[in-house]
Amino acid sequence: MLLALAACTDKTNDKQPARVITPEPPKARTVLQFLENPQALEEIWAKCRNDPGALGTSAECVNAGYAKERLMILGRERAIQSLKR
């Protein structure tokens, strides 16, 4: 009797659906990372200024903006030291 019931089970759910793995977006650079890498800061800042409507509130643009502010106020070395404390 058990064999008859086992044969009647629905086999359509035996397979798990395929998992879709989406890559994580790259982590936004920090203000300190931008201060330590002036080339990256200038590249990102140019993109952010060119398209503030789409990019302006992204973490990269916000961090680049803070890095630019600190550069103007403190200069590179003092800005870096102030963040490493």
Protein backbone atom coordinates (compact mmCIF):
# COMPACT_ATOMS: atom_id res chain seq x y z
CA MET A 1 0.00 0.00 0.00
CA LEU A 2 2.78 2.44 0.85
CA LEU A 3 4.48 1.72 -2.44
CA ALA A 4 1.33 2.67 -4.30
CA LEU A 5 1.10 5.98 -2.45
CA ALA A 6 4.77 6.73 -2.99
CA ALA A 7 4.36 6.18 -6.71
CA CYS A 8 1.52 8.71 -6.82
CA THR A 9 3.44 11.61 -5.36
CA ASP A 10 3.96 14.64 -7.53
CA LYS A 11 7.56 14.78 -8.76
CA THR A 12 7.30 18.28 -10.30
CA ASN A 13 8.49 19.99 -7.12
CA ASP A 14 11.60 17.84 -6.71
CA LYS A 15 13.85 20.39 -8.39
CA GLN A 16 14.70 23.64 -6.70
CA PRO A 17 14.38 26.73 -8.89
CA ALA A 18 17.70 28.02 -10.16
CA ARG A 19 19.11 30.79 -8.01
CA VAL A 20 20.02 33.98 -9.74
CA ILE A 21 23.15 35.46 -8.25
CA THR A 22 23.48 39.16 -8.82
CA PRO A 23 26.86 40.72 -8.15
CA GLU A 24 27.01 43.29 -5.40
CA PRO A 25 27.63 46.82 -6.60
CA PRO A 26 31.09 48.09 -5.84
CA LYS A 27 31.39 49.68 -2.44
CA ALA A 28 31.58 53.47 -2.49
CA ARG A 29 34.96 54.96 -1.70
CA THR A 30 35.29 56.93 1.50
CA VAL A 31 36.28 60.58 1.90
CA LEU A 32 39.71 59.45 3.11
CA GLN A 33 40.18 57.18 0.09
CA PHE A 34 39.39 60.10 -2.20
CA LEU A 35 41.83 62.38 -0.36
CA GLU A 36 44.56 59.77 -0.68
CA ASN A 37 43.86 59.25 -4.39
CA PRO A 38 43.50 62.67 -6.07
CA GLN A 39 43.13 61.14 -9.56
CA ALA A 40 40.11 59.07 -8.51
CA LEU A 41 38.62 62.12 -6.80
CA GLU A 42 38.94 64.25 -9.93
CA GLU A 43 37.46 61.52 -12.16
CA ILE A 44 34.43 60.94 -9.95
CA TRP A 45 33.93 64.65 -9.22
CA ALA A 46 33.88 65.41 -12.97
CA LYS A 47 31.18 62.74 -13.51
CA CYS A 48 29.15 64.00 -10.55
CA ARG A 49 29.26 67.62 -11.73
CA ASN A 50 28.36 66.60 -15.27
CA ASP A 51 25.22 64.67 -14.23
CA PRO A 52 24.10 65.83 -10.76
CA GLY A 53 20.49 64.83 -11.40
CA ALA A 54 21.34 61.17 -11.79
CA LEU A 55 24.53 60.85 -9.75
CA GLY A 56 24.43 63.71 -7.26
CA THR A 57 23.00 61.74 -4.35
CA SER A 58 25.06 58.60 -4.91
CA ALA A 59 27.46 57.67 -2.11
CA GLU A 60 30.47 58.22 -4.39
CA CYS A 61 29.36 61.77 -5.28
CA VAL A 62 28.50 62.69 -1.71
CA ASN A 63 31.86 61.40 -0.44
CA ALA A 64 33.72 63.12 -3.28
CA GLY A 65 31.94 66.38 -2.43
CA TYR A 66 32.99 66.15 1.21
CA ALA A 67 36.55 65.37 0.13
CA LYS A 68 36.58 68.46 -2.11
CA GLU A 69 35.29 70.62 0.76
CA ARG A 70 37.95 69.32 3.15
CA LEU A 71 40.63 69.96 0.53
CA MET A 72 39.54 73.58 0.15
CA ILE A 73 39.31 74.21 3.88
CA LEU A 74 42.24 72.22 5.26
CA GLY A 75 44.47 71.22 2.37
CA ARG A 76 45.29 67.62 1.52
CA GLU A 77 47.66 66.70 4.37
CA ARG A 78 45.60 68.25 7.17
CA ALA A 79 42.38 66.79 5.74
CA ILE A 80 43.91 63.32 5.64
CA GLN A 81 45.30 63.64 9.17
CA SER A 82 41.94 64.87 10.49
CA LEU A 83 40.24 61.70 9.24
CA LYS A 84 42.92 59.29 10.47
CA ARG A 85 42.60 60.26 14.11
